[in-house]
C-alpha atoms as a PDB file:
ATOM      1  CA  MET A   1     -28.880  10.836 -13.461  1.00  0.00           C
ATOM      2  CA  LEU A   2     -26.978  13.738 -14.855  1.00  0.00           C
ATOM      3  CA  SER A   3     -28.197  15.137 -18.196  1.00  0.00           C
ATOM      4  CA  SER A   4     -25.721  15.106 -21.127  1.00  0.00           C
ATOM      5  CA  ASN A   5     -25.397  18.887 -20.998  1.00  0.00           C
ATOM      6  CA  GLU A   6     -24.710  18.935 -17.337  1.00  0.00           C
ATOM      7  CA  PHE A   7     -22.227  16.026 -17.671  1.00  0.00           C
ATOM      8  CA  ILE A   8     -20.267  17.915 -20.456  1.00  0.00           C
ATOM      9  CA  ARG A   9     -20.189  21.325 -18.811  1.00  0.00           C
ATOM     10  CA  ARG A  10     -19.240  20.137 -15.337  1.00  0.00           C
ATOM     11  CA  SER A  11     -16.525  17.777 -16.680  1.00  0.00           C
ATOM     12  CA  LEU A  12     -14.832  20.615 -18.610  1.00  0.00           C
ATOM     13  CA  GLU A  13     -15.235  23.109 -15.724  1.00  0.00           C
ATOM     14  CA  ILE A  14     -13.593  20.683 -13.247  1.00  0.00           C
ATOM     15  CA  HIS A  15     -10.786  19.912 -15.686  1.00  0.00           C
ATOM     16  CA  LEU A  16     -10.098  23.492 -16.446  1.00  0.00           C
ATOM     17  CA  PHE A  17      -9.405  24.179 -12.748  1.00  0.00           C
ATOM     18  CA  PHE A  18      -7.923  20.908 -11.554  1.00  0.00           C
ATOM     19  CA  ALA A  19      -5.734  19.839 -14.521  1.00  0.00           C
ATOM     20  CA  ARG A  20      -3.826  23.127 -14.222  1.00  0.00           C
ATOM     21  CA  ILE A  21      -3.486  22.586 -10.418  1.00  0.00           C
ATOM     22  CA  MET A  22      -2.064  19.094 -11.135  1.00  0.00           C
ATOM     23  CA  LYS A  23       0.385  20.255 -13.731  1.00  0.00           C
ATOM     24  CA  GLU A  24       1.671  22.920 -11.245  1.00  0.00           C
ATOM     25  CA  HIS A  25       1.876  20.376  -8.467  1.00  0.00           C
ATOM     26  CA  SER A  26       4.115  18.333 -10.748  1.00  0.00           C
ATOM     27  CA  PHE A  27       6.263  21.528 -11.361  1.00  0.00           C
ATOM     28  CA  PHE A  28       6.589  22.254  -7.671  1.00  0.00           C
ATOM     29  CA  LEU A  29       7.637  18.546  -6.989  1.00  0.00           C
ATOM     30  CA  GLN A  30       9.974  18.680  -9.947  1.00  0.00           C
ATOM     31  CA  LEU A  31      11.835  21.535  -8.374  1.00  0.00           C
ATOM     32  CA  SER A  32      12.060  20.048  -4.818  1.00  0.00           C
ATOM     33  CA  PHE A  33      14.319  16.958  -5.330  1.00  0.00           C
ATOM     34  CA  THR A  34      18.039  16.735  -4.711  1.00  0.00           C
ATOM     35  CA  PRO A  35      20.454  15.506  -7.429  1.00  0.00           C
ATOM     36  CA  ARG A  36      20.447  12.008  -5.858  1.00  0.00           C
ATOM     37  CA  ASP A  37      16.703  11.785  -6.737  1.00  0.00           C
ATOM     38  CA  ALA A  38      16.988  12.989 -10.304  1.00  0.00           C
ATOM     39  CA  SER A  39      14.772  10.159 -11.465  1.00  0.00           C
ATOM     40  CA  PHE A  40      11.909  11.542  -9.283  1.00  0.00           C
ATOM     41  CA  SER A  41      12.523  14.895 -10.841  1.00  0.00           C
ATOM     42  CA  ARG A  42      12.260  13.362 -14.314  1.00  0.00           C
ATOM     43  CA  ARG A  43       9.093  11.680 -13.436  1.00  0.00           C
ATOM     44  CA  ALA A  44       7.483  14.851 -12.028  1.00  0.00           C
ATOM     45  CA  ASP A  45       8.484  16.483 -15.365  1.00  0.00           C
ATOM     46  CA  GLU A  46       6.896  13.771 -17.363  1.00  0.00           C
ATOM     47  CA  LEU A  47       3.618  14.103 -15.333  1.00  0.00           C
ATOM     48  CA  ARG A  48       3.717  17.839 -15.795  1.00  0.00           C
ATOM     49  CA  MET A  49       3.869  17.457 -19.576  1.00  0.00           C
ATOM     50  CA  GLU A  50       1.120  14.837 -19.577  1.00  0.00           C
ATOM     51  CA  PHE A  51      -1.142  17.248 -17.643  1.00  0.00           C
ATOM     52  CA  ASP A  52      -0.149  19.942 -20.201  1.00  0.00           C
ATOM     53  CA  LYS A  53      -1.519  17.738 -22.912  1.00  0.00           C
ATOM     54  CA  LEU A  54      -4.684  17.059 -20.951  1.00  0.00           C
ATOM     55  CA  LEU A  55      -5.355  20.621 -20.190  1.00  0.00           C
ATOM     56  CA  TRP A  56      -4.710  21.673 -23.786  1.00  0.00           C
ATOM     57  CA  GLU A  57      -7.291  19.099 -24.864  1.00  0.00           C
ATOM     58  CA  VAL A  58      -9.746  20.419 -22.280  1.00  0.00           C
ATOM     59  CA  VAL A  59      -9.208  24.074 -23.518  1.00  0.00           C
ATOM     60  CA  CYS A  60      -9.813  23.092 -27.126  1.00  0.00           C
ATOM     61  CA  LEU A  61     -13.186  21.521 -26.103  1.00  0.00           C
ATOM     62  CA  SER A  62     -14.271  24.252 -23.639  1.00  0.00           C
ATOM     63  CA  ASN A  63     -14.830  27.292 -25.774  1.00  0.00           C
ATOM     64  CA  GLY A  64     -18.418  28.265 -25.749  1.00  0.00           C
ATOM     65  CA  VAL A  65     -19.459  25.522 -23.411  1.00  0.00           C
ATOM     66  CA  VAL A  66     -18.479  26.514 -19.809  1.00  0.00           C
ATOM     67  CA  SER A  67     -20.350  28.956 -17.602  1.00  0.00           C
ATOM     68  CA  SER A  68     -19.561  32.556 -17.316  1.00  0.00           C
ATOM     69  CA  SER A  69     -19.333  32.335 -13.538  1.00  0.00           C
ATOM     70  CA  VAL A  70     -16.322  29.933 -14.052  1.00  0.00           C
ATOM     71  CA  ILE A  71     -14.782  31.968 -16.804  1.00  0.00           C
ATOM     72  CA  ASN A  72     -14.972  35.162 -14.731  1.00  0.00           C
ATOM     73  CA  SER A  73     -13.936  33.718 -11.344  1.00  0.00           C
ATOM     74  CA  GLY A  74     -10.300  33.892 -11.626  1.00  0.00           C
ATOM     75  CA  GLU A  75     -10.010  30.103 -10.950  1.00  0.00           C
ATOM     76  CA  ILE A  76      -8.750  29.188 -14.386  1.00  0.00           C
ATOM     77  CA  VAL A  77      -6.256  31.998 -14.950  1.00  0.00           C
ATOM     78  CA  THR A  78      -5.715  35.315 -13.232  1.00  0.00           C
ATOM     79  CA  PRO A  79      -4.156  38.612 -14.605  1.00  0.00           C
ATOM     80  CA  TYR A  80      -0.850  37.223 -13.215  1.00  0.00           C
ATOM     81  CA  THR A  81      -0.686  33.646 -14.424  1.00  0.00           C
ATOM     82  CA  LEU A  82       1.092  34.270 -17.728  1.00  0.00           C
ATOM     83  CA  ARG A  83       3.739  36.466 -16.206  1.00  0.00           C
ATOM     84  CA  ALA A  84       4.132  34.159 -13.179  1.00  0.00           C
ATOM     85  CA  GLU A  85       4.749  31.195 -15.615  1.00  0.00           C
ATOM     86  CA  ASN A  86       7.258  33.232 -17.647  1.00  0.00           C
ATOM     87  CA  VAL A  87       9.196  34.295 -14.604  1.00  0.00           C
ATOM     88  CA  SER A  88       9.076  30.828 -13.052  1.00  0.00           C
ATOM     89  CA  SER A  89      10.393  29.424 -16.343  1.00  0.00           C
ATOM     90  CA  TYR A  90      13.172  31.914 -16.500  1.00  0.00           C
ATOM     91  CA  LEU A  91      14.190  31.327 -12.909  1.00  0.00           C
ATOM     92  CA  THR A  92      14.185  27.452 -13.187  1.00  0.00           C
ATOM     93  CA  GLY A  93      14.967  26.685 -16.831  1.00  0.00           C
ATOM     94  CA  VAL A  94      11.773  24.628 -16.998  1.00  0.00           C
ATOM     95  CA  ASN A  95       9.906  25.165 -20.247  1.00  0.00           C
ATOM     96  CA  ILE A  96       6.337  26.043 -19.297  1.00  0.00           C
ATOM     97  CA  PRO A  97       4.184  26.428 -22.491  1.00  0.00           C
ATOM     98  CA  GLU A  98       2.453  29.695 -22.527  1.00  0.00           C
ATOM     99  CA  TYR A  99       0.204  28.947 -25.411  1.00  0.00           C
ATOM    100  CA  ILE A 100      -2.321  27.136 -23.060  1.00  0.00           C
ATOM    101  CA  THR A 101      -2.508  30.170 -20.819  1.00  0.00           C
ATOM    102  CA  LYS A 102      -3.074  32.506 -23.687  1.00  0.00           C
ATOM    103  CA  ALA A 103      -5.821  30.305 -25.005  1.00  0.00           C
ATOM    104  CA  GLU A 104      -7.468  30.101 -21.631  1.00  0.00           C
ATOM    105  CA  MET A 105      -7.391  33.864 -21.523  1.00  0.00           C
ATOM    106  CA  GLU A 106      -9.464  33.861 -24.621  1.00  0.00           C
ATOM    107  CA  LEU A 107     -12.066  31.347 -23.568  1.00  0.00           C
ATOM    108  CA  ARG A 108     -15.680  32.566 -23.823  1.00  0.00           C
ATOM    109  CA  ALA A 109     -18.648  31.236 -21.990  1.00  0.00           C
ATOM    110  CA  GLY A 110     -21.574  29.597 -23.662  1.00  0.00           C
ATOM    111  CA  THR A 111     -25.060  28.209 -23.146  1.00  0.00           C
ATOM    112  CA  CYS A 112     -25.323  25.547 -25.793  1.00  0.00           C
ATOM    113  CA  LYS A 113     -28.272  23.281 -25.198  1.00  0.00           C
ATOM    114  CA  ASN A 114     -27.748  20.538 -27.740  1.00  0.00           C
ATOM    115  CA  PHE A 115     -24.429  18.706 -28.036  1.00  0.00           C
ATOM    116  CA  ASP A 116     -23.551  16.210 -30.688  1.00  0.00           C
ATOM    117  CA  PRO A 117     -23.340  12.699 -29.423  1.00  0.00           C
ATOM    118  CA  ALA A 118     -19.842  12.546 -30.631  1.00  0.00           C
ATOM    119  CA  PHE A 119     -18.907  15.491 -28.488  1.00  0.00           C
ATOM    120  CA  GLU A 120     -20.262  13.693 -25.376  1.00  0.00           C
ATOM    121  CA  ARG A 121     -18.279  10.630 -26.311  1.00  0.00           C
ATOM    122  CA  ALA A 122     -15.126  12.814 -26.432  1.00  0.00           C
ATOM    123  CA  ILE A 123     -15.808  14.214 -23.024  1.00  0.00           C
ATOM    124  CA  CYS A 124     -16.257  10.621 -21.685  1.00  0.00           C
ATOM    125  CA  ALA A 125     -12.961   9.591 -23.241  1.00  0.00           C
ATOM    126  CA  LEU A 126     -11.300  12.629 -21.838  1.00  0.00           C
ATOM    127  CA  ASN A 127     -12.525  11.710 -18.448  1.00  0.00           C
ATOM    128  CA  ASP A 128     -11.235   8.193 -18.633  1.00  0.00           C
ATOM    129  CA  LYS A 129      -7.821   9.643 -19.699  1.00  0.00           C
ATOM    130  CA  ALA A 130      -7.853  12.018 -16.730  1.00  0.00           C
ATOM    131  CA  ILE A 131      -8.766   9.325 -14.250  1.00  0.00           C
ATOM    132  CA  LYS A 132      -5.742   7.205 -15.266  1.00  0.00           C
ATOM    133  CA  LEU A 133      -3.417  10.336 -15.142  1.00  0.00           C
ATOM    134  CA  ILE A 134      -4.760  11.487 -11.752  1.00  0.00           C
ATOM    135  CA  ARG A 135      -4.186   8.040 -10.347  1.00  0.00           C
ATOM    136  CA  ASP A 136      -0.671   8.169 -11.626  1.00  0.00           C
ATOM    137  CA  ILE A 137       0.108  11.441  -9.828  1.00  0.00           C
ATOM    138  CA  ILE A 138      -1.533  10.300  -6.659  1.00  0.00           C
ATOM    139  CA  ASP A 139       0.762   7.135  -6.713  1.00  0.00           C
ATOM    140  CA  PHE A 140       3.682   9.426  -7.339  1.00  0.00           C
ATOM    141  CA  LYS A 141       2.920  11.926  -4.519  1.00  0.00           C
ATOM    142  CA  SER A 142       2.263   8.922  -2.218  1.00  0.00           C
ATOM    143  CA  ASN A 143       5.634   7.403  -2.999  1.00  0.00           C
ATOM    144  CA  VAL A 144       7.346  10.685  -2.338  1.00  0.00           C
ATOM    145  CA  LEU A 145       5.536  11.293   0.883  1.00  0.00           C
ATOM    146  CA  SER A 146       6.221   7.809   2.116  1.00  0.00           C
ATOM    147  CA  ASN A 147       9.978   8.245   1.376  1.00  0.00           C
ATOM    148  CA  VAL A 148       9.958  11.629   3.093  1.00  0.00           C
ATOM    149  CA  LEU A 149       8.162  10.449   6.219  1.00  0.00           C
ATOM    150  CA  SER A 150      10.516   7.387   6.455  1.00  0.00           C
ATOM    151  CA  CYS A 151      13.580   9.746   6.164  1.00  0.00           C
ATOM    152  CA  ASN A 152      14.690   8.058   2.966  1.00  0.00           C
ATOM    153  CA  MET A 153      14.325  11.263   0.894  1.00  0.00           C
ATOM    154  CA  PHE A 154      14.909  14.982   1.366  1.00  0.00           C
ATOM    155  CA  THR A 155      12.747  17.485  -0.592  1.00  0.00           C
ATOM    156  CA  SER A 156      12.343  21.220  -0.202  1.00  0.00           C
ATOM    157  CA  ASN A 157       8.613  20.677   0.266  1.00  0.00           C
ATOM    158  CA  TYR A 158       7.143  20.329   3.702  1.00  0.00           C
ATOM    159  CA  PRO A 159       5.675  16.743   4.243  1.00  0.00           C
ATOM    160  CA  SER A 160       2.353  18.445   5.072  1.00  0.00           C
ATOM    161  CA  LEU A 161       2.462  20.170   1.721  1.00  0.00           C
ATOM    162  CA  ILE A 162       2.968  16.821  -0.214  1.00  0.00           C
ATOM    163  CA  ASP A 163       0.031  15.472   1.783  1.00  0.00           C
ATOM    164  CA  HIS A 164      -1.930  18.646   0.907  1.00  0.00           C
ATOM    165  CA  ILE A 165      -1.458  18.266  -2.814  1.00  0.00           C
ATOM    166  CA  MET A 166      -2.264  14.623  -2.599  1.00  0.00           C
ATOM    167  CA  ARG A 167      -5.587  15.403  -0.976  1.00  0.00           C
ATOM    168  CA  GLU A 168      -6.350  17.865  -3.774  1.00  0.00           C
ATOM    169  CA  ALA A 169      -5.580  15.196  -6.397  1.00  0.00           C
ATOM    170  CA  LYS A 170      -7.843  12.589  -4.558  1.00  0.00           C
ATOM    171  CA  LEU A 171     -10.683  15.114  -4.532  1.00  0.00           C
ATOM    172  CA  TYR A 172     -10.265  15.692  -8.299  1.00  0.00           C
ATOM    173  CA  LEU A 173     -10.329  11.839  -8.880  1.00  0.00           C
ATOM    174  CA  ARG A 174     -13.500  11.428  -6.814  1.00  0.00           C
ATOM    175  CA  MET A 175     -15.261  14.191  -8.673  1.00  0.00           C
ATOM    176  CA  ILE A 176     -14.455  12.774 -12.108  1.00  0.00           C
ATOM    177  CA  ILE A 177     -15.363   9.201 -11.234  1.00  0.00           C
ATOM    178  CA  LYS A 178     -18.759  10.499  -9.912  1.00  0.00           C
ATOM    179  CA  LEU A 179     -19.235  12.337 -13.252  1.00  0.00           C
ATOM    180  CA  GLN A 180     -18.348   9.293 -15.222  1.00  0.00           C
ATOM    181  CA  LYS A 181     -21.007   7.294 -13.319  1.00  0.00           C
ATOM    182  CA  ARG A 182     -23.504  10.209 -14.106  1.00  0.00           C
ATOM    183  CA  GLU A 183     -24.383  10.254 -10.425  1.00  0.00           C
ATOM    184  CA  ARG A 184     -26.943  12.730  -9.145  1.00  0.00           C
ATOM    185  CA  ILE A 185     -25.138  14.456  -6.286  1.00  0.00           C
ATOM    186  CA  ASP A 186     -26.652  15.154  -2.829  1.00  0.00           C
ATOM    187  CA  LEU A 187     -26.091  18.812  -3.020  1.00  0.00           C
ATOM    188  CA  LYS A 188     -26.322  19.507   0.734  1.00  0.00           C
ATOM    189  CA  LYS A 189     -23.923  16.759   1.706  1.00  0.00           C
ATOM    190  CA  GLU A 190     -21.636  17.624  -1.205  1.00  0.00           C
ATOM    191  CA  ASN A 191     -21.560  21.280  -0.212  1.00  0.00           C
ATOM    192  CA  TYR A 192     -20.748  20.553   3.352  1.00  0.00           C
ATOM    193  CA  GLY A 193     -17.810  18.253   2.218  1.00  0.00           C
ATOM    194  CA  GLN A 194     -16.486  20.761  -0.161  1.00  0.00           C
ATOM    195  CA  GLU A 195     -16.674  23.618   2.329  1.00  0.00           C
ATOM    196  CA  LEU A 196     -14.890  21.608   4.953  1.00  0.00           C
ATOM    197  CA  PHE A 197     -12.234  20.495   2.454  1.00  0.00           C
ATOM    198  CA  TRP A 198     -11.442  23.927   1.044  1.00  0.00           C
ATOM    199  CA  ASN A 199     -11.530  25.671   4.353  1.00  0.00           C
ATOM    200  CA  ARG A 200      -8.766  23.336   5.514  1.00  0.00           C
ATOM    201  CA  ILE A 201      -6.878  23.966   2.265  1.00  0.00           C
ATOM    202  CA  MET A 202      -7.021  27.800   2.887  1.00  0.00           C
ATOM    203  CA  ALA A 203      -5.628  27.234   6.344  1.00  0.00           C
ATOM    204  CA  ASP A 204      -2.874  25.138   4.846  1.00  0.00           C
ATOM    205  CA  HIS A 205      -1.954  27.830   2.265  1.00  0.00           C
ATOM    206  CA  SER A 206      -1.654  30.500   4.928  1.00  0.00           C
ATOM    207  CA  LYS A 207       0.550  28.224   7.045  1.00  0.00           C
ATOM    208  CA  PHE A 208       2.832  27.399   4.035  1.00  0.00           C
ATOM    209  CA  ILE A 209       3.144  31.010   2.985  1.00  0.00           C
ATOM    210  CA  ARG A 210       3.989  31.943   6.521  1.00  0.00           C
ATOM    211  CA  GLY A 211       6.854  29.472   6.471  1.00  0.00           C
ATOM    212  CA  LEU A 212       8.109  30.425   3.059  1.00  0.00           C
ATOM    213  CA  LEU A 213       8.323  34.116   3.671  1.00  0.00           C
ATOM    214  CA  ASP A 214      11.662  35.632   4.774  1.00  0.00           C
ATOM    215  CA  PRO A 215      11.775  36.170   8.531  1.00  0.00           C
ATOM    216  CA  ASP A 216      12.137  39.845   7.931  1.00  0.00           C
ATOM    217  CA  GLU A 217       8.627  40.015   6.420  1.00  0.00           C
ATOM    218  CA  ASP A 218       7.047  40.564   9.860  1.00  0.00           C
ATOM    219  CA  ASP A 219       3.735  42.186   8.538  1.00  0.00           C
ATOM    220  CA  LEU A 220       3.003  39.467   5.998  1.00  0.00           C
ATOM    221  CA  ILE A 221       3.967  36.666   8.361  1.00  0.00           C
ATOM    222  CA  ASN A 222       1.472  38.122  10.893  1.00  0.00           C
ATOM    223  CA  ILE A 223      -1.243  38.391   8.343  1.00  0.00           C
ATOM    224  CA  ALA A 224      -0.659  34.772   7.167  1.00  0.00           C
ATOM    225  CA  ASN A 225      -0.677  33.557  10.795  1.00  0.00           C
ATOM    226  CA  ASN A 226      -3.892  35.332  11.564  1.00  0.00           C
ATOM    227  CA  LEU A 227      -5.604  33.950   8.412  1.00  0.00           C
ATOM    228  CA  ALA A 228      -4.324  30.405   9.314  1.00  0.00           C
ATOM    229  CA  ASN A 229      -5.862  30.772  12.847  1.00  0.00           C
ATOM    230  CA  GLU A 230      -9.056  32.122  11.524  1.00  0.00           C
ATOM    231  CA  PHE A 231      -9.502  29.249   9.061  1.00  0.00           C
ATOM    232  CA  ASP A 232      -8.671  26.722  11.668  1.00  0.00           C
ATOM    233  CA  GLU A 233     -11.257  28.081  14.094  1.00  0.00           C
ATOM    234  CA  LEU A 234     -13.835  28.236  11.256  1.00  0.00           C
ATOM    235  CA  THR A 235     -13.222  24.680  10.391  1.00  0.00           C
ATOM    236  CA  LYS A 236     -13.814  23.632  13.963  1.00  0.00           C
ATOM    237  CA  GLU A 237     -17.090  25.652  14.092  1.00  0.00           C
ATOM    238  CA  LEU A 238     -18.205  24.285  10.763  1.00  0.00           C
ATOM    239  CA  LYS A 239     -17.474  20.675  11.613  1.00  0.00           C
ATOM    240  CA  GLU A 240     -19.245  20.896  14.977  1.00  0.00           C
ATOM    241  CA  ALA A 241     -22.340  22.449  13.229  1.00  0.00           C
ATOM    242  CA  ILE A 242     -22.491  19.752  10.631  1.00  0.00           C
ATOM    243  CA  ASP A 243     -21.980  16.992  13.244  1.00  0.00           C
ATOM    244  CA  LYS A 244     -24.867  18.403  15.219  1.00  0.00           C
ATOM    245  CA  SER A 245     -27.069  18.970  12.183  1.00  0.00           C
ATOM    246  CA  LEU A 246     -27.151  22.765  12.954  1.00  0.00           C
ATOM    247  CA  PRO A 247     -27.711  25.539  10.305  1.00  0.00           C
ATOM    248  CA  ILE A 248     -24.353  26.642   8.826  1.00  0.00           C
ATOM    249  CA  ASP A 249     -25.435  29.772   6.986  1.00  0.00           C
ATOM    250  CA  ASP A 250     -23.799  32.172   9.370  1.00  0.00           C
ATOM    251  CA  ILE A 251     -20.546  30.170   9.432  1.00  0.00           C
ATOM    252  CA  THR A 252     -20.634  30.072   5.575  1.00  0.00           C
ATOM    253  CA  ASP A 253     -20.915  33.868   5.593  1.00  0.00           C
ATOM    254  CA  SER A 254     -17.878  34.124   7.907  1.00  0.00           C
ATOM    255  CA  ILE A 255     -15.941  31.644   5.718  1.00  0.00           C
ATOM    256  CA  LEU A 256     -16.682  33.664   2.685  1.00  0.00           C
ATOM    257  CA  LYS A 257     -15.327  36.830   4.405  1.00  0.00           C
ATOM    258  CA  ALA A 258     -12.238  34.968   5.370  1.00  0.00           C
ATOM    259  CA  ALA A 259     -11.840  33.584   1.816  1.00  0.00           C
ATOM    260  CA  ASN A 260     -12.115  37.096   0.387  1.00  0.00           C
ATOM    261  CA  LYS A 261      -9.350  38.201   2.792  1.00  0.00           C
ATOM    262  CA  GLU A 262      -7.285  35.207   1.560  1.00  0.00           C
ATOM    263  CA  VAL A 263      -7.813  36.410  -2.006  1.00  0.00           C
ATOM    264  CA  ASP A 264      -6.606  39.898  -1.088  1.00  0.00           C
ATOM    265  CA  PHE A 265      -3.602  38.557   0.693  1.00  0.00           C
ATOM    266  CA  ASN A 266      -2.671  36.195  -2.116  1.00  0.00           C
ATOM    267  CA  THR A 267      -3.147  39.010  -4.589  1.00  0.00           C
ATOM    268  CA  GLN A 268      -0.819  41.259  -2.554  1.00  0.00           C
ATOM    269  CA  GLY A 269       1.572  38.336  -2.445  1.00  0.00           C
ATOM    270  CA  ILE A 270       1.834  37.542  -6.122  1.00  0.00           C
ATOM    271  CA  GLU A 271       2.136  41.203  -7.036  1.00  0.00           C
ATOM    272  CA  GLY A 272       4.909  41.689  -4.477  1.00  0.00           C
ATOM    273  CA  ILE A 273       6.762  38.609  -5.591  1.00  0.00           C
ATOM    274  CA  LEU A 274       6.493  39.493  -9.376  1.00  0.00           C
ATOM    275  CA  ASP A 275       7.731  43.042  -8.611  1.00  0.00           C
ATOM    276  CA  CYS A 276      10.504  41.739  -6.513  1.00  0.00           C
ATOM    277  CA  LYS A 277       9.244  43.566  -3.383  1.00  0.00           C
ATOM    278  CA  ILE A 278       8.743  40.658  -1.110  1.00  0.00           C
ATOM    279  CA  LYS A 279      11.552  38.544   0.288  1.00  0.00           C
ATOM    280  CA  SER A 280      10.663  34.876   0.189  1.00  0.00           C
ATOM    281  CA  ILE A 281      11.425  31.425  -1.236  1.00  0.00           C
ATOM    282  CA  ILE A 282       8.115  31.371  -3.037  1.00  0.00           C
ATOM    283  CA  ILE A 283       8.374  30.557  -6.682  1.00  0.00           C
ATOM    284  CA  PRO A 284       6.117  33.041  -8.540  1.00  0.00           C
ATOM    285  CA  LEU A 285       3.857  30.319  -9.965  1.00  0.00           C
ATOM    286  CA  LEU A 286       3.029  29.131  -6.471  1.00  0.00           C
ATOM    287  CA  GLY A 287       1.767  32.588  -5.604  1.00  0.00           C
ATOM    288  CA  ASP A 288      -0.553  32.574  -8.581  1.00  0.00           C
ATOM    289  CA  HIS A 289      -1.509  28.904  -7.758  1.00  0.00           C
ATOM    290  CA  VAL A 290      -2.893  29.697  -4.324  1.00  0.00           C
ATOM    291  CA  LEU A 291      -4.703  32.837  -5.622  1.00  0.00           C
ATOM    292  CA  ARG A 292      -6.571  30.625  -8.125  1.00  0.00           C
ATOM    293  CA  GLU A 293      -7.492  28.169  -5.500  1.00  0.00           C
ATOM    294  CA  ALA A 294      -8.798  30.955  -3.198  1.00  0.00           C
ATOM    295  CA  ASN A 295     -10.825  32.357  -6.169  1.00  0.00           C
ATOM    296  CA  TYR A 296     -12.339  28.857  -6.762  1.00  0.00           C
ATOM    297  CA  PHE A 297     -13.404  28.610  -3.130  1.00  0.00           C
ATOM    298  CA  VAL A 298     -14.987  32.074  -3.164  1.00  0.00           C
ATOM    299  CA  ARG A 299     -17.127  31.043  -6.225  1.00  0.00           C
ATOM    300  CA  LEU A 300     -18.046  27.761  -4.561  1.00  0.00           C
ATOM    301  CA  LEU A 301     -19.193  29.508  -1.513  1.00  0.00           C
ATOM    302  CA  LYS A 302     -21.255  31.992  -3.371  1.00  0.00           C
ATOM    303  CA  SER A 303     -22.871  29.169  -5.271  1.00  0.00           C
ATOM    304  CA  PHE A 304     -23.704  27.446  -2.025  1.00  0.00           C
ATOM    305  CA  GLN A 305     -25.389  30.588  -0.760  1.00  0.00           C
ATOM    306  CA  ARG A 306     -27.522  30.810  -3.927  1.00  0.00           C
ATOM    307  CA  GLU A 307     -28.608  27.197  -3.591  1.00  0.00           C
ATOM    308  CA  ASP A 308     -29.704  27.830   0.030  1.00  0.00           C
END
C-alpha cells in the first residue's frame, strides 16, 4: 500500500502534467468543429474551463510538495508555454488564462515528510473530482470519434488524433484510479507498459506534425517522417522483447536517444512557429503541447534506467 506522502506527491505530479494536457485537448477539439456542430464546440469549451479549474486547484496544492525532477523536466511548462498560449489566444479569440501558467512557472520543489491529514483528504477529494472530469472528456472524445468514423461529422482533426488523445485520457484515468486505491504498483510491468505507450505516442506526434506542415517544408517533413519510422521500429523491437521476456535495457537506451531527438525537433518546431518562420497549420499551443509530452517521456525513461 502506498504511503501517505507517496500518494500525495504522485497524485499532484500526475495532475500537473495531465490536467494541462486535457485542457489543451479540449481547446484543440473546440477549434476543430464546423458551425453546424457549434454545440460540440461549446461542450469542448466547457470541459476546457473545468480542467482550468482543476489545474488551478492542483497548482495551489503543489508548491513545496512535488519533486525537483518533475519541476525541472519541462513537462509542466516550458520556456515557450506562456507565449504559445498568448499567441494561440490571439489567433483564435479563445480566452486562455495565463495566471495558471505564471503560477506553474513559480512552483518550487519540496521534500515535506509529514502532511496534515486534512491535506491528504483534500488530495483524495481532488482525485475524485478529477476521475469524474476525465470520464466526461473520455465520453466526449468517444462521441466525437464515433461520429467522425461513421461520416456523421467533419472536424479538422485526424480521426487517429482523436483516438490518440482519448488513449492519453484513459491512461490518466487508470493512473488516478490506481492511486485512489493506494495500489502498490509492479514497477517492472508498469514501466514496460508506459514505455510502449509513450513510444507509440511519440510516433503519432511525428506523423501528425508531418501532416500539418506545409508541403514546402521538405526538410522538416523528412525529419518528422524519419522520427516516426524510428519510433515505429523501436515499438516493434520493444514489444517483441517484452513478449519473449528478453532484457530491454539496450532498447530503452535507443528509445531515450530517439526521445531526445524528438525534444530537439519539437523545440525547433515551437520556436519556428512562434517566430513565424515555419509554414504550417499548427496552432502554437500544439507545438508546445507535444514538446511537454516529449519532455515527460524523457524523464520517465531516465527514471526507468535508475530503477534498473
